[in-house]
Amino acid sequence: MEIIVRPGDSIWYYSQLFRMNQQLILDSNRDINPNQLSIGQHIRLPGFVAQDYRINPGDTFYSIARSQGLSADAIQLVNPGVNPNRLLAGQSIKTPLRITWRLVQGRQNYDYSRLMQDIRQLQSVYPFMQLNSIGNTVLGNQIPELLIGKGSKRVHYNASFHANEWITTAVLMTFINDYLLALTNFTPIRGIVMSDLYQQTILSTVPMVNPDGVNLVLNGPPENETWRTRVIQYNNGSTDFSGWKANIRGVDLNDQFTAKWEDERARNPKQPGPRDYGGEKPLQEPEAIAMAELTRRRDFARVLAFHTQGEVIYWGYENMEPPQSQVLVNEFSRVSGYIPEQTIESWAGYKDWFIQDWRRPGFTVELGTGTNPLPISQFDEIYQETLGIFLAGLYM
């Protein structure tokens, strides 16, 4: 919601008027000097939208505000051209509406279009959340990164490295929405105060590493005839892409990193296909390159890559992980019920590369049980199990 600066207004006053964390207002208006507000300047107020209200006989700004738990000046602020002493029955005004419900509906087939629609809606209501593009996919789709927080500790979560594991995006986006809701409504999540985490930690998320692949699994082959023919050929002539993990070029993005890549390639397919083909060289695919460049640029303290399935957390790589990794994974296991597993005979993955090159904690979290793609009926159970991991990744 936007409001317009009046004589004597300040960011502090807005925070009191709308019962909103002042830092969130400041971070929603990074292009504005809070000490030099100008009359007529537009200020973005997070966590609110302006809704239409039709005046009833006897209404006043005071009575309207009281019914909504606000002050009369909050109503005046969103109606700068309205004279509160000359209200007429049937007249339309705006009233501030505090958002107290989820905008993201994760319990559905969650493709790239749905992701971008939800991101735009979240950014509109929560402008302190920063949106960046870390690069483009093979088909030219932007890969979004969402940033939330102010602290010196930098934590990264990602989802949908593998196309038919798209439910991980829906789960991660639901957590992001819940985090934003808790920040603007001063509500804890599982007893943890979110404003403290916001001040201590910058959370970076890439909710969908592999948009082209996710769209292929959920929506079928691209309309472009060349790509359509190619992916069906890669898929052994089948138009059923439910088993597809790779990007649109048939390269498994989680086999693209320089952590024993040669060893992984030696035992895997040597040509494009639905899964396990690591390409002709590491970091050749634009999605993998974008993730590597983001990780180098942000210098994360830890990374968590969310996959499906197995309810297990892999936390080691060639004994290069630091002692803190075991402390963290024990907490992740405690809050989720997932089983910690130090290593598995699999290489060239994102968390392997992170542990190898940074010697910092990296985790692959396998959500849910069954056969990929997991049914959306598992969404609620998976979210409740994973919520503790999302939180612990921030507070530990």
Protein backbone atom coordinates (compact mmCIF):
# COMPACT_ATOMS: atom_id res chain seq x y z
CA MET A 1 0.00 0.00 0.00
CA GLU A 2 1.25 3.49 -0.84
CA ILE A 3 0.75 6.56 1.31
CA ILE A 4 1.66 10.19 0.58
CA VAL A 5 3.86 12.24 2.90
CA ARG A 6 2.18 15.21 4.64
CA PRO A 7 3.76 18.06 6.61
CA GLY A 8 5.22 16.71 9.86
CA ASP A 9 5.04 13.03 8.88
CA SER A 10 7.92 10.64 9.62
CA ILE A 11 8.70 6.97 9.16
CA TRP A 12 8.52 6.57 12.93
CA TYR A 13 5.01 8.07 12.96
CA TYR A 14 3.86 5.68 10.24
CA SER A 15 5.22 2.74 12.22
CA GLN A 16 3.19 3.82 15.25
CA LEU A 17 0.07 4.65 13.26
CA PHE A 18 -0.07 1.26 11.53
CA ARG A 19 1.66 -0.79 14.26
CA MET A 20 4.38 -1.83 11.83
CA ASN A 21 8.06 -2.55 12.46
CA GLN A 22 9.90 0.63 11.50
CA GLN A 23 12.76 -1.34 9.94
CA LEU A 24 10.37 -3.04 7.54
CA ILE A 25 9.09 0.35 6.36
CA LEU A 26 12.66 1.60 5.91
CA ASP A 27 13.60 -1.52 3.96
CA SER A 28 10.49 -1.14 1.79
CA ASN A 29 11.70 2.34 0.77
CA ARG A 30 15.43 1.91 0.23
CA ASP A 31 15.49 4.72 -2.34
CA ILE A 32 14.21 7.29 0.19
CA ASN A 33 16.19 9.23 2.81
CA PRO A 34 14.06 8.80 5.96
CA ASN A 35 15.54 11.98 7.45
CA GLN A 36 14.52 14.12 4.48
CA LEU A 37 10.95 13.19 3.58
CA SER A 38 9.31 15.54 1.10
CA ILE A 39 5.67 16.55 1.10
CA GLY A 40 3.89 14.60 -1.62
CA GLN A 41 6.46 11.80 -1.61
CA HIS A 42 5.10 8.25 -1.99
CA ILE A 43 5.94 5.77 0.78
CA ARG A 44 5.39 2.03 0.49
CA LEU A 45 3.81 0.54 3.61
CA PRO A 46 4.34 -3.24 3.87
CA GLY A 47 1.72 -5.71 4.98
CA PHE A 48 -1.29 -3.57 3.98
CA VAL A 49 -3.46 -3.09 0.92
CA ALA A 50 -5.98 -0.30 0.32
CA GLN A 51 -9.50 -1.63 -0.10
CA ASP A 52 -12.64 0.14 -1.28
CA TYR A 53 -15.20 1.17 1.32
CA ARG A 54 -18.64 2.70 0.67
CA ILE A 55 -19.80 5.26 3.21
CA ASN A 56 -22.93 4.35 5.17
CA PRO A 57 -25.22 6.90 6.83
CA GLY A 58 -23.64 8.10 10.07
CA ASP A 59 -20.11 6.92 9.20
CA THR A 60 -17.16 9.00 10.31
CA PHE A 61 -13.44 8.40 9.87
CA TYR A 62 -13.31 7.71 13.59
CA SER A 63 -16.07 5.07 13.52
CA ILE A 64 -14.63 3.38 10.42
CA ALA A 65 -11.14 3.32 11.91
CA ARG A 66 -12.39 2.01 15.24
CA SER A 67 -14.18 -0.89 13.53
CA GLN A 68 -10.89 -1.85 11.88
CA GLY A 69 -8.65 -1.38 14.90
CA LEU A 70 -6.94 1.71 13.46
CA SER A 71 -6.83 5.42 14.21
CA ALA A 72 -8.81 8.02 12.28
CA ASP A 73 -5.57 9.47 10.95
CA ALA A 74 -4.78 6.13 9.28
CA ILE A 75 -8.01 6.52 7.28
CA GLN A 76 -7.20 10.14 6.51
CA LEU A 77 -3.71 9.21 5.31
CA VAL A 78 -5.02 6.89 2.59
CA ASN A 79 -7.67 9.42 1.54
CA PRO A 80 -5.69 12.65 1.16
CA GLY A 81 -8.31 14.37 -1.00
CA VAL A 82 -11.34 13.53 1.16
CA ASN A 83 -12.81 15.98 3.66
CA PRO A 84 -13.74 13.90 6.74
CA ASN A 85 -16.38 16.47 7.72
CA ARG A 86 -18.29 16.15 4.45
CA LEU A 87 -18.78 12.44 4.01
CA LEU A 88 -21.82 11.43 1.94
CA ALA A 89 -23.70 8.13 2.05
CA GLY A 90 -22.67 6.06 -0.95
CA GLN A 91 -19.32 7.83 -1.30
CA SER A 92 -16.31 5.57 -1.99
CA ILE A 93 -13.14 5.88 0.06
CA LYS A 94 -10.12 3.66 0.75
CA THR A 95 -9.40 1.88 4.01
CA PRO A 96 -6.15 0.16 4.99
CA LEU A 97 -6.49 -3.61 5.21
CA ARG A 98 -3.82 -5.52 7.10
CA ILE A 99 -2.93 -8.79 5.35
CA THR A 100 -3.23 -11.65 7.86
CA TRP A 101 -3.60 -14.59 5.46
CA ARG A 102 -1.40 -16.44 2.97
CA LEU A 103 -1.22 -15.14 -0.55
CA VAL A 104 0.64 -18.25 -1.72
CA GLN A 105 -1.51 -21.33 -2.22
CA GLY A 106 1.12 -24.05 -2.40
CA ARG A 107 -1.17 -27.07 -2.46
CA GLN A 108 -1.48 -27.21 -6.25
CA ASN A 109 0.55 -27.98 -9.36
CA TYR A 110 3.21 -25.30 -9.01
CA ASP A 111 4.75 -24.32 -12.34
CA TYR A 112 6.91 -21.34 -13.32
CA SER A 113 3.93 -19.13 -14.17
CA ARG A 114 2.41 -19.73 -10.73
CA LEU A 115 5.77 -19.02 -9.09
CA MET A 116 6.22 -15.66 -10.83
CA GLN A 117 2.62 -14.65 -10.17
CA ASP A 118 3.07 -15.36 -6.46
CA ILE A 119 6.40 -13.54 -6.33
CA ARG A 120 4.87 -10.43 -7.91
CA GLN A 121 2.01 -10.48 -5.44
CA LEU A 122 4.32 -10.97 -2.45
CA GLN A 123 6.61 -8.18 -3.57
CA SER A 124 3.66 -5.84 -3.98
CA VAL A 125 2.50 -6.43 -0.40
CA TYR A 126 5.95 -6.94 1.17
CA PRO A 127 8.31 -4.57 -0.69
CA PHE A 128 11.08 -5.10 1.87
CA MET A 129 11.55 -8.50 0.16
CA GLN A 130 14.08 -7.96 -2.63
CA LEU A 131 13.76 -9.68 -6.00
CA ASN A 132 16.77 -10.32 -8.22
CA SER A 133 17.30 -12.32 -11.39
CA ILE A 134 20.38 -14.54 -11.12
CA GLY A 135 20.32 -15.48 -14.81
CA ASN A 136 18.20 -17.06 -17.53
CA THR A 137 17.32 -20.65 -18.34
CA VAL A 138 17.96 -22.34 -21.69
CA LEU A 139 14.51 -21.14 -22.86
CA GLY A 140 15.11 -17.62 -21.58
CA ASN A 141 13.08 -17.73 -18.36
CA GLN A 142 14.51 -15.58 -15.59
CA ILE A 143 15.63 -17.45 -12.46
CA PRO A 144 14.47 -15.39 -9.45
CA GLU A 145 16.26 -14.95 -6.15
CA LEU A 146 14.36 -13.59 -3.15
CA LEU A 147 16.24 -11.81 -0.34
CA ILE A 148 14.80 -11.19 3.13
CA GLY A 149 16.66 -9.81 6.15
CA LYS A 150 19.31 -7.43 7.44
CA GLY A 151 21.88 -9.47 9.34
CA SER A 152 25.49 -10.36 8.70
CA LYS A 153 24.81 -14.12 8.51
CA ARG A 154 23.95 -15.19 4.96
CA VAL A 155 21.87 -18.35 4.53
CA HIS A 156 20.69 -19.86 1.25
CA TYR A 157 17.79 -22.20 0.43
CA ASN A 158 16.94 -23.53 -3.03
CA ALA A 159 14.36 -25.87 -4.56
CA SER A 160 13.52 -27.66 -7.80
CA PHE A 161 17.02 -28.42 -9.01
CA HIS A 162 15.20 -31.49 -10.35
CA ALA A 163 12.12 -30.93 -12.49
CA ASN A 164 9.84 -33.62 -11.09
CA GLU A 165 10.62 -32.46 -7.55
CA TRP A 166 8.62 -29.26 -8.11
CA ILE A 167 6.67 -29.72 -4.87
CA THR A 168 9.78 -28.39 -3.10
CA THR A 169 9.12 -24.98 -4.71
CA ALA A 170 5.57 -24.91 -3.38
CA VAL A 171 6.83 -25.81 0.10
CA LEU A 172 9.59 -23.18 0.08
CA MET A 173 7.30 -20.43 -1.26
CA THR A 174 4.77 -21.23 1.48
CA PHE A 175 7.47 -20.77 4.11
CA ILE A 176 8.53 -17.46 2.56
CA ASN A 177 4.91 -16.27 2.73
CA ASP A 178 4.57 -17.38 6.35
CA TYR A 179 7.83 -15.63 7.26
CA LEU A 180 6.65 -12.37 5.68
CA LEU A 181 3.28 -12.66 7.41
CA ALA A 182 4.90 -13.21 10.79
CA LEU A 183 7.20 -10.21 10.32
CA THR A 184 4.40 -7.77 9.49
CA ASN A 185 1.96 -9.10 12.10
CA PHE A 186 4.40 -9.52 15.02
CA THR A 187 3.47 -13.18 15.32
CA PRO A 188 5.97 -15.92 16.22
CA ILE A 189 6.30 -19.18 14.32
CA ARG A 190 6.61 -22.16 16.66
CA GLY A 191 7.45 -19.74 19.45
CA ILE A 192 10.30 -18.04 17.57
CA VAL A 193 10.20 -14.26 17.11
CA MET A 194 10.71 -13.56 13.42
CA SER A 195 11.88 -9.94 13.82
CA ASP A 196 14.99 -11.22 15.62
CA LEU A 197 15.81 -13.54 12.72
CA TYR A 198 15.25 -10.69 10.26
CA GLN A 199 17.80 -8.54 12.06
CA GLN A 200 20.37 -11.35 12.36
CA THR A 201 20.19 -13.12 9.01
CA ILE A 202 19.90 -12.45 5.30
CA LEU A 203 17.92 -15.29 3.74
CA SER A 204 18.57 -15.89 0.06
CA THR A 205 16.22 -18.25 -1.74
CA VAL A 206 16.08 -19.54 -5.30
CA PRO A 207 12.65 -21.21 -5.24
CA MET A 208 12.91 -22.79 -8.70
CA VAL A 209 16.38 -23.53 -10.08
CA ASN A 210 14.98 -25.42 -13.09
CA PRO A 211 11.89 -23.60 -14.47
CA ASP A 212 12.09 -25.13 -17.96
CA GLY A 213 12.17 -28.64 -16.52
CA VAL A 214 9.34 -28.00 -14.08
CA ASN A 215 7.15 -26.69 -16.89
CA LEU A 216 8.00 -29.76 -18.96
CA VAL A 217 6.88 -32.11 -16.18
CA LEU A 218 3.68 -30.22 -15.36
CA ASN A 219 2.65 -28.79 -18.73
CA GLY A 220 4.22 -31.10 -21.32
CA PRO A 221 6.62 -30.29 -24.16
CA PRO A 222 7.14 -26.70 -25.37
CA GLU A 223 5.04 -25.49 -28.31
CA ASN A 224 8.21 -24.82 -30.30
CA GLU A 225 8.40 -27.78 -32.68
CA THR A 226 12.20 -28.09 -32.51
CA TRP A 227 12.24 -28.32 -28.73
CA ARG A 228 9.17 -30.53 -28.67
CA THR A 229 10.78 -33.05 -31.00
CA ARG A 230 14.06 -32.91 -29.09
CA VAL A 231 12.70 -33.50 -25.58
CA ILE A 232 10.45 -36.37 -26.73
CA GLN A 233 13.50 -37.95 -28.34
CA TYR A 234 15.48 -37.47 -25.11
CA ASN A 235 12.55 -39.08 -23.28
CA ASN A 236 12.76 -42.28 -25.36
CA GLY A 237 9.83 -41.24 -27.53
CA SER A 238 7.42 -40.82 -24.63
CA THR A 239 5.25 -37.77 -23.94
CA ASP A 240 4.98 -38.74 -20.26
CA PHE A 241 7.54 -36.53 -18.51
CA SER A 242 6.69 -37.45 -14.91
CA GLY A 243 10.11 -39.10 -14.53
CA TRP A 244 12.02 -36.11 -15.91
CA LYS A 245 14.63 -34.57 -13.56
CA ALA A 246 16.87 -32.73 -16.01
CA ASN A 247 16.71 -29.27 -17.57
CA ILE A 248 15.19 -28.82 -21.03
CA ARG A 249 18.48 -29.92 -22.67
CA GLY A 250 18.41 -33.23 -20.83
CA VAL A 251 21.22 -32.29 -18.42
CA ASP A 252 20.85 -33.12 -14.73
CA LEU A 253 21.63 -29.79 -13.04
CA ASN A 254 22.61 -31.45 -9.78
CA ASP A 255 25.35 -33.39 -11.59
CA GLN A 256 26.91 -30.21 -12.99
CA PHE A 257 29.29 -29.13 -10.22
CA THR A 258 33.04 -29.56 -9.84
CA ALA A 259 33.02 -32.06 -7.00
CA LYS A 260 34.30 -35.37 -8.46
CA TRP A 261 32.33 -34.58 -11.60
CA GLU A 262 34.49 -36.97 -13.65
CA ASP A 263 33.71 -39.85 -11.28
CA GLU A 264 29.98 -39.14 -11.46
CA ARG A 265 30.08 -38.90 -15.25
CA ALA A 266 31.94 -42.20 -15.54
CA ARG A 267 29.01 -44.18 -14.15
CA ASN A 268 26.13 -42.15 -15.60
CA PRO A 269 24.53 -41.81 -19.05
CA LYS A 270 26.69 -40.17 -21.74
CA GLN A 271 23.88 -38.48 -23.63
CA PRO A 272 20.95 -36.19 -22.79
CA GLY A 273 17.96 -37.78 -21.16
CA PRO A 274 15.43 -37.55 -18.33
CA ARG A 275 17.99 -37.95 -15.54
CA ASP A 276 21.62 -38.38 -14.46
CA TYR A 277 23.37 -37.04 -17.58
CA GLY A 278 25.88 -34.52 -16.21
CA GLY A 279 26.71 -32.81 -19.50
CA GLU A 280 29.94 -32.78 -21.44
CA LYS A 281 31.66 -30.65 -18.82
CA PRO A 282 30.82 -29.20 -15.41
CA LEU A 283 29.05 -25.87 -15.19
CA GLN A 284 28.02 -25.83 -18.85
CA GLU A 285 24.28 -25.25 -18.35
CA PRO A 286 23.05 -21.68 -17.72
CA GLU A 287 21.02 -22.68 -14.65
CA ALA A 288 24.05 -24.33 -12.98
CA ILE A 289 26.28 -21.40 -13.94
CA ALA A 290 23.77 -18.97 -12.41
CA MET A 291 23.70 -20.92 -9.13
CA ALA A 292 27.50 -21.09 -8.97
CA GLU A 293 27.89 -17.36 -9.65
CA LEU A 294 25.24 -16.49 -7.06
CA THR A 295 26.97 -18.64 -4.44
CA ARG A 296 30.36 -17.06 -5.11
CA ARG A 297 28.88 -13.57 -5.02
CA ARG A 298 26.87 -13.97 -1.81
CA ASP A 299 29.49 -15.94 0.20
CA PHE A 300 26.90 -17.94 2.14
CA ALA A 301 27.49 -19.24 5.65
CA ARG A 302 25.46 -22.36 4.81
CA VAL A 303 23.27 -23.73 2.03
CA LEU A 304 20.27 -26.06 2.04
CA ALA A 305 19.10 -27.66 -1.22
CA PHE A 306 15.58 -29.13 -1.00
CA HIS A 307 14.83 -32.27 -3.01
CA THR A 308 12.45 -35.23 -2.82
CA GLN A 309 12.18 -37.95 -1.51
CA GLY A 310 13.21 -40.14 1.46
CA GLU A 311 12.92 -37.98 4.61
CA VAL A 312 16.70 -37.92 4.92
CA ILE A 313 19.26 -35.12 5.23
CA TYR A 314 22.68 -35.56 3.61
CA TRP A 315 25.25 -33.37 5.31
CA GLY A 316 28.78 -34.52 4.40
CA TYR A 317 31.14 -34.69 1.47
CA GLU A 318 34.47 -36.53 1.50
CA ASN A 319 34.95 -35.57 5.19
CA MET A 320 35.43 -31.94 4.14
CA GLU A 321 32.43 -30.65 6.10
CA PRO A 322 33.16 -28.62 9.27
CA PRO A 323 32.18 -29.86 12.77
CA GLN A 324 29.29 -27.37 12.80
CA SER A 325 27.57 -29.43 10.10
CA GLN A 326 26.83 -32.26 12.49
CA VAL A 327 25.48 -29.86 15.12
CA LEU A 328 23.17 -28.33 12.54
CA VAL A 329 21.96 -31.61 11.05
CA ASN A 330 21.16 -32.97 14.50
CA GLU A 331 18.91 -29.98 15.08
CA PHE A 332 17.34 -30.35 11.63
CA SER A 333 16.64 -33.98 12.44
CA ARG A 334 15.18 -33.16 15.85
CA VAL A 335 12.68 -30.62 14.49
CA SER A 336 11.65 -32.64 11.42
CA GLY A 337 12.04 -36.32 12.27
CA TYR A 338 14.23 -36.75 9.17
CA ILE A 339 17.24 -39.06 9.34
CA PRO A 340 20.75 -37.55 9.12
CA GLU A 341 23.01 -39.33 6.65
CA GLN A 342 26.59 -38.11 6.40
CA THR A 343 27.32 -39.26 2.89
CA ILE A 344 26.01 -41.19 -0.08
CA GLU A 345 27.78 -42.57 -3.15
CA SER A 346 26.80 -39.60 -5.29
CA TRP A 347 28.92 -36.67 -6.42
CA ALA A 348 28.92 -33.48 -8.49
CA GLY A 349 25.95 -32.03 -6.59
CA TYR A 350 25.48 -28.45 -5.49
CA LYS A 351 25.95 -29.09 -1.76
CA ASP A 352 29.01 -31.29 -2.49
CA TRP A 353 30.63 -28.44 -4.39
CA PHE A 354 29.76 -25.93 -1.68
CA ILE A 355 31.29 -28.07 1.07
CA GLN A 356 34.38 -28.76 -1.04
CA ASP A 357 35.08 -25.17 -2.06
CA TRP A 358 34.00 -23.33 1.10
CA ARG A 359 34.43 -25.95 3.86
CA ARG A 360 31.14 -24.70 5.28
CA PRO A 361 27.89 -26.55 6.09
CA GLY A 362 25.89 -27.72 3.10
CA PHE A 363 22.83 -29.96 3.12
CA THR A 364 20.62 -31.87 0.72
CA VAL A 365 17.20 -32.31 2.33
CA GLU A 366 15.02 -35.02 0.81
CA LEU A 367 11.35 -34.23 1.52
CA GLY A 368 8.51 -36.74 1.73
CA THR A 369 8.32 -40.38 0.78
CA GLY A 370 7.22 -42.33 -2.26
CA THR A 371 7.90 -41.99 -5.97
CA ASN A 372 8.66 -38.68 -7.69
CA PRO A 373 6.80 -36.58 -8.47
CA LEU A 374 5.27 -36.82 -5.01
CA PRO A 375 1.49 -36.35 -4.94
CA ILE A 376 0.29 -32.93 -3.85
CA SER A 377 -1.73 -34.71 -1.16
CA GLN A 378 1.56 -34.92 0.80
CA PHE A 379 1.97 -31.15 0.78
CA ASP A 380 0.61 -30.34 4.26
CA GLU A 381 2.56 -33.12 5.97
CA ILE A 382 5.77 -32.21 4.15
CA TYR A 383 5.38 -28.55 5.02
CA GLN A 384 4.91 -29.20 8.73
CA GLU A 385 7.98 -31.49 8.77
CA THR A 386 10.11 -29.03 6.83
CA LEU A 387 9.03 -25.88 8.67
CA GLY A 388 11.32 -26.71 11.57
CA ILE A 389 14.27 -27.06 9.19
CA PHE A 390 13.52 -23.72 7.53
CA LEU A 391 13.48 -22.05 10.96
CA ALA A 392 16.52 -23.84 12.36
CA GLY A 393 18.52 -22.89 9.27
CA LEU A 394 17.95 -19.27 10.26
CA TYR A 395 18.26 -19.33 14.06
CA MET A 396 21.19 -21.77 14.47
